[in-house]
């Protein structure tokens, strides 16, 4: 029998492989649960909704790309699911209290020192 924590690990692995684009419905289907049951289990496990968790992880992934690659910021925004650079900048600033450009610049300064 598969334990509930193992099911959530499966979801996390698949979310990461999809670069955080796995929909809530697809995640529920992956572990053979209804969306309603999945929502309840996810919230109990992570203390936040799937949507909020996925948003946080997408922005963490974007921050990792900003730090580790030379990809253009607009390309990173698109890669993590934002059609608009402006909306990406706003979400990033709300989450990390700095714009993507500031984050990249600050990280480059730290690496040079």
C-alpha atoms as a PDB file:
ATOM      1  CA  UNK A   1       0.000   0.000   0.000  1.00  0.00           C
ATOM      2  CA  UNK A   2       1.248   3.487  -0.890  1.00  0.00           C
ATOM      3  CA  UNK A   3       1.366   5.919   2.043  1.00  0.00           C
ATOM      4  CA  UNK A   4      -0.111   9.429   1.688  1.00  0.00           C
ATOM      5  CA  UNK A   5       3.340  11.017   2.088  1.00  0.00           C
ATOM      6  CA  UNK A   6       4.631   8.829  -0.745  1.00  0.00           C
ATOM      7  CA  UNK A   7       1.813  10.100  -2.946  1.00  0.00           C
ATOM      8  CA  UNK A   8       2.788  13.691  -2.227  1.00  0.00           C
ATOM      9  CA  UNK A   9       6.427  12.874  -3.009  1.00  0.00           C
ATOM     10  CA  UNK A  10       5.291  11.502  -6.375  1.00  0.00           C
ATOM     11  CA  UNK A  11       3.423  14.745  -7.041  1.00  0.00           C
ATOM     12  CA  UNK A  12       6.462  16.851  -6.067  1.00  0.00           C
ATOM     13  CA  UNK A  13       8.761  14.848  -8.339  1.00  0.00           C
ATOM     14  CA  UNK A  14       6.382  15.238 -11.262  1.00  0.00           C
ATOM     15  CA  UNK A  15       5.902  18.938 -10.531  1.00  0.00           C
ATOM     16  CA  UNK A  16       9.666  19.459 -10.626  1.00  0.00           C
ATOM     17  CA  UNK A  17      10.046  17.444 -13.835  1.00  0.00           C
ATOM     18  CA  UNK A  18       7.363  19.604 -15.463  1.00  0.00           C
ATOM     19  CA  UNK A  19       9.107  22.766 -14.209  1.00  0.00           C
ATOM     20  CA  UNK A  20       6.159  23.458 -11.901  1.00  0.00           C
ATOM     21  CA  UNK A  21       3.557  23.414 -14.710  1.00  0.00           C
ATOM     22  CA  UNK A  22       1.640  20.327 -13.540  1.00  0.00           C
ATOM     23  CA  UNK A  23      -2.014  21.311 -13.130  1.00  0.00           C
ATOM     24  CA  UNK A  24      -3.952  20.488 -10.004  1.00  0.00           C
ATOM     25  CA  UNK A  25      -6.202  18.126 -11.960  1.00  0.00           C
ATOM     26  CA  UNK A  26      -3.231  16.295 -13.452  1.00  0.00           C
ATOM     27  CA  UNK A  27      -1.597  16.036 -10.026  1.00  0.00           C
ATOM     28  CA  UNK A  28      -4.785  14.539  -8.578  1.00  0.00           C
ATOM     29  CA  UNK A  29      -5.043  12.047 -11.430  1.00  0.00           C
ATOM     30  CA  UNK A  30      -1.404  11.088 -10.991  1.00  0.00           C
ATOM     31  CA  UNK A  31      -2.132   9.699  -7.536  1.00  0.00           C
ATOM     32  CA  UNK A  32      -5.616   8.405  -8.404  1.00  0.00           C
ATOM     33  CA  UNK A  33      -7.543  10.953  -6.354  1.00  0.00           C
ATOM     34  CA  UNK A  34     -10.369  13.334  -7.113  1.00  0.00           C
ATOM     35  CA  UNK A  35      -9.410  16.999  -7.262  1.00  0.00           C
ATOM     36  CA  UNK A  36     -11.415  17.651  -4.107  1.00  0.00           C
ATOM     37  CA  UNK A  37      -9.680  14.864  -2.179  1.00  0.00           C
ATOM     38  CA  UNK A  38      -6.302  15.985  -3.534  1.00  0.00           C
ATOM     39  CA  UNK A  39      -6.907  19.588  -2.432  1.00  0.00           C
ATOM     40  CA  UNK A  40      -7.702  18.486   1.084  1.00  0.00           C
ATOM     41  CA  UNK A  41      -4.691  16.162   1.320  1.00  0.00           C
ATOM     42  CA  UNK A  42      -2.348  18.750  -0.187  1.00  0.00           C
ATOM     43  CA  UNK A  43      -3.484  21.477   2.205  1.00  0.00           C
ATOM     44  CA  UNK A  44      -3.107  19.126   5.183  1.00  0.00           C
ATOM     45  CA  UNK A  45       0.397  18.129   4.065  1.00  0.00           C
ATOM     46  CA  UNK A  46       1.817  21.529   3.064  1.00  0.00           C
ATOM     47  CA  UNK A  47      -0.424  23.948   4.955  1.00  0.00           C
ATOM     48  CA  UNK A  48      -1.200  25.896   1.778  1.00  0.00           C
ATOM     49  CA  UNK A  49      -3.190  25.407  -1.392  1.00  0.00           C
ATOM     50  CA  UNK A  50      -1.724  23.702  -4.440  1.00  0.00           C
ATOM     51  CA  UNK A  51      -2.055  26.943  -6.401  1.00  0.00           C
ATOM     52  CA  UNK A  52      -0.079  28.980  -3.844  1.00  0.00           C
ATOM     53  CA  UNK A  53       2.538  26.241  -3.454  1.00  0.00           C
ATOM     54  CA  UNK A  54       2.985  25.993  -7.224  1.00  0.00           C
ATOM     55  CA  UNK A  55       3.320  29.777  -7.531  1.00  0.00           C
ATOM     56  CA  UNK A  56       6.005  29.827  -4.817  1.00  0.00           C
ATOM     57  CA  UNK A  57       7.907  26.997  -6.488  1.00  0.00           C
ATOM     58  CA  UNK A  58       7.688  28.591  -9.941  1.00  0.00           C
ATOM     59  CA  UNK A  59       9.152  31.796  -8.535  1.00  0.00           C
ATOM     60  CA  UNK A  60      11.885  29.866  -6.697  1.00  0.00           C
ATOM     61  CA  UNK A  61      12.714  28.139  -9.990  1.00  0.00           C
ATOM     62  CA  UNK A  62      12.816  31.524 -11.733  1.00  0.00           C
ATOM     63  CA  UNK A  63      15.172  32.861  -9.063  1.00  0.00           C
ATOM     64  CA  UNK A  64      17.415  29.843  -9.573  1.00  0.00           C
ATOM     65  CA  UNK A  65      17.462  30.486 -13.338  1.00  0.00           C
ATOM     66  CA  UNK A  66      18.255  34.166 -12.772  1.00  0.00           C
ATOM     67  CA  UNK A  67      21.212  33.252 -10.597  1.00  0.00           C
ATOM     68  CA  UNK A  68      22.605  30.328 -12.549  1.00  0.00           C
ATOM     69  CA  UNK A  69      21.979  31.226 -16.207  1.00  0.00           C
ATOM     70  CA  UNK A  70      22.336  34.129 -18.588  1.00  0.00           C
ATOM     71  CA  UNK A  71      18.841  33.585 -20.027  1.00  0.00           C
ATOM     72  CA  UNK A  72      17.008  36.855 -20.694  1.00  0.00           C
ATOM     73  CA  UNK A  73      14.541  37.743 -17.947  1.00  0.00           C
ATOM     74  CA  UNK A  74      11.649  37.749 -20.415  1.00  0.00           C
ATOM     75  CA  UNK A  75      12.617  34.208 -21.440  1.00  0.00           C
ATOM     76  CA  UNK A  76      12.674  33.092 -17.809  1.00  0.00           C
ATOM     77  CA  UNK A  77       9.275  34.704 -17.255  1.00  0.00           C
ATOM     78  CA  UNK A  78       7.849  32.776 -20.189  1.00  0.00           C
ATOM     79  CA  UNK A  79       9.528  29.534 -19.117  1.00  0.00           C
ATOM     80  CA  UNK A  80       7.896  29.638 -15.683  1.00  0.00           C
ATOM     81  CA  UNK A  81       4.478  30.439 -17.118  1.00  0.00           C
ATOM     82  CA  UNK A  82       4.164  34.207 -17.419  1.00  0.00           C
ATOM     83  CA  UNK A  83       3.094  35.600 -20.787  1.00  0.00           C
ATOM     84  CA  UNK A  84       3.886  39.120 -19.567  1.00  0.00           C
ATOM     85  CA  UNK A  85       7.251  40.279 -18.258  1.00  0.00           C
ATOM     86  CA  UNK A  86       5.447  42.982 -16.268  1.00  0.00           C
ATOM     87  CA  UNK A  87       3.269  40.449 -14.409  1.00  0.00           C
ATOM     88  CA  UNK A  88       6.316  38.302 -13.748  1.00  0.00           C
ATOM     89  CA  UNK A  89       8.196  41.297 -12.322  1.00  0.00           C
ATOM     90  CA  UNK A  90       5.260  42.151 -10.046  1.00  0.00           C
ATOM     91  CA  UNK A  91       4.863  38.580  -8.755  1.00  0.00           C
ATOM     92  CA  UNK A  92       8.611  38.224  -8.234  1.00  0.00           C
ATOM     93  CA  UNK A  93       8.850  41.523  -6.351  1.00  0.00           C
ATOM     94  CA  UNK A  94       5.869  40.611  -4.177  1.00  0.00           C
ATOM     95  CA  UNK A  95       7.481  37.284  -3.260  1.00  0.00           C
ATOM     96  CA  UNK A  96      11.139  38.326  -2.840  1.00  0.00           C
ATOM     97  CA  UNK A  97      10.930  42.094  -2.300  1.00  0.00           C
ATOM     98  CA  UNK A  98      13.167  42.791  -5.303  1.00  0.00           C
ATOM     99  CA  UNK A  99      12.737  42.718  -9.067  1.00  0.00           C
ATOM    100  CA  UNK A 100      14.248  39.925 -11.154  1.00  0.00           C
ATOM    101  CA  UNK A 101      16.840  42.362 -12.526  1.00  0.00           C
ATOM    102  CA  UNK A 102      17.817  43.433  -8.991  1.00  0.00           C
ATOM    103  CA  UNK A 103      18.077  39.796  -7.926  1.00  0.00           C
ATOM    104  CA  UNK A 104      20.353  38.931 -10.843  1.00  0.00           C
ATOM    105  CA  UNK A 105      22.501  42.010 -10.312  1.00  0.00           C
ATOM    106  CA  UNK A 106      22.842  41.417  -6.557  1.00  0.00           C
ATOM    107  CA  UNK A 107      23.751  37.770  -7.071  1.00  0.00           C
ATOM    108  CA  UNK A 108      26.398  38.652  -9.659  1.00  0.00           C
ATOM    109  CA  UNK A 109      27.931  41.169  -7.247  1.00  0.00           C
ATOM    110  CA  UNK A 110      28.068  38.504  -4.519  1.00  0.00           C
ATOM    111  CA  UNK A 111      29.771  36.020  -6.847  1.00  0.00           C
ATOM    112  CA  UNK A 112      32.418  38.561  -7.841  1.00  0.00           C
ATOM    113  CA  UNK A 113      33.394  39.296  -4.241  1.00  0.00           C
END
